[in-house]
Each structure stands twice: as structure tokens, then as C-alpha cells.
Amino acid sequence: MIRVATFAVLAMAIGIAVAISPSFSGLATALLAVVLVLYFVLSAVSPLLTDHWITKSRIILRQGWYFRAIIPFSDIVSVSAADEIGRLRVPLGIHRPFGQPVLFVTGGRTNLISIQLREPRKFWQAFGLTVREIVFDVDDRPRFLAAFEERRQSLPPVEPDRPYAELRN
């Protein structure tokens, strides 16, 4: 709702500027309208398409049209509730604070989950900066964590000491 209100105020301000200014051509007004529509679609409609899900061997995070990450269970050290992060400190959207190897992929400030990665990973959405932890929000945190544990326990056990273990993947 905040993004829609921001868009409405921005559109009204630009509309008033175009109406008052005698030097705006039809082409400039059309280009400005296209930019406003694209901004609205990316900032207000796209986040509605946020969905995170768990498959048999990985977690898939999707925030609108501009973020998608596939994280195999083998790359995950732990998945836990992120209660220690203060509600006011959680940025909305895709955000990686400088000096912190944490990527926030949030549309809300409640039901936060933290994924600790085994190795640092780079995300182009975070300008190529390395990330060791991903924080995201879900609708039903207990159900998501239970589903993760259920799927993680259903994986076949790894037997590194058997013959030719290095040849199998």
C-alpha cells in the first residue's frame, strides 16, 4: 500500500508539472507515462508475485519478477526463525546492508526465516556482493520450518566411506 500511495503522489506531482509547463511535448509526456507505468508494475504489482517453496532437494526463493534464487540443501548450514532481528531494522524488498553479509528478501517484517549458507554466494540483485545469510518472510513460519525439516530428513544418507564414493554425485 505504501508503494501504491507513493506512486499516486508521484503521478499527481508529475501530472501537475506537465499541466503547468507549456514546453512539454506529446512525445515527452508519453515517455513519462511509460516510465510511470513501468515503475508502478515493478514496484507495486511485481511484489505481489512473491512465493517461496521447498522441493525435495532445494529451497526456491522468488520475490516478484526481480529476484529468484535456488538454494540446494547441500549449500545450507541451517534454517531457523529470525527472531533476533528487530522488526524496525528489517528493510523491505531486496536489500544487502554494507558491511553485513546478509541479504534481505522481504515483503513484510514478520514471520522471518534465516538461511545460513555453507559458502558465501554472490547475487547480482545485491550488486554482486557476497552473502552468507539470506533472510526472507513467509506466510506460515512453523509450517515452512516443519516442511524443510521433513524434506531434509527424507534425503538418502550420505555414505562417504563406501567404495568409489567420490565417483557418485
Foldseek 3Di string as FASTA:
>chain_A
DVQVVVLVVVVVVVVVVVVPDPPDDPVNVVVVVVVSVVSCCVPPVQQVPWDWDDDLFWIWGDGGPPDIDTGGPVFFPDKDFPPVDDLVNQDEDWDDDPPAQETEHEHHSPQKMKTATPDWDFDVVHVRDTHGMYIYHDDDNVVRRVVVVVSVVPDDDQDCPDPPSVVDD
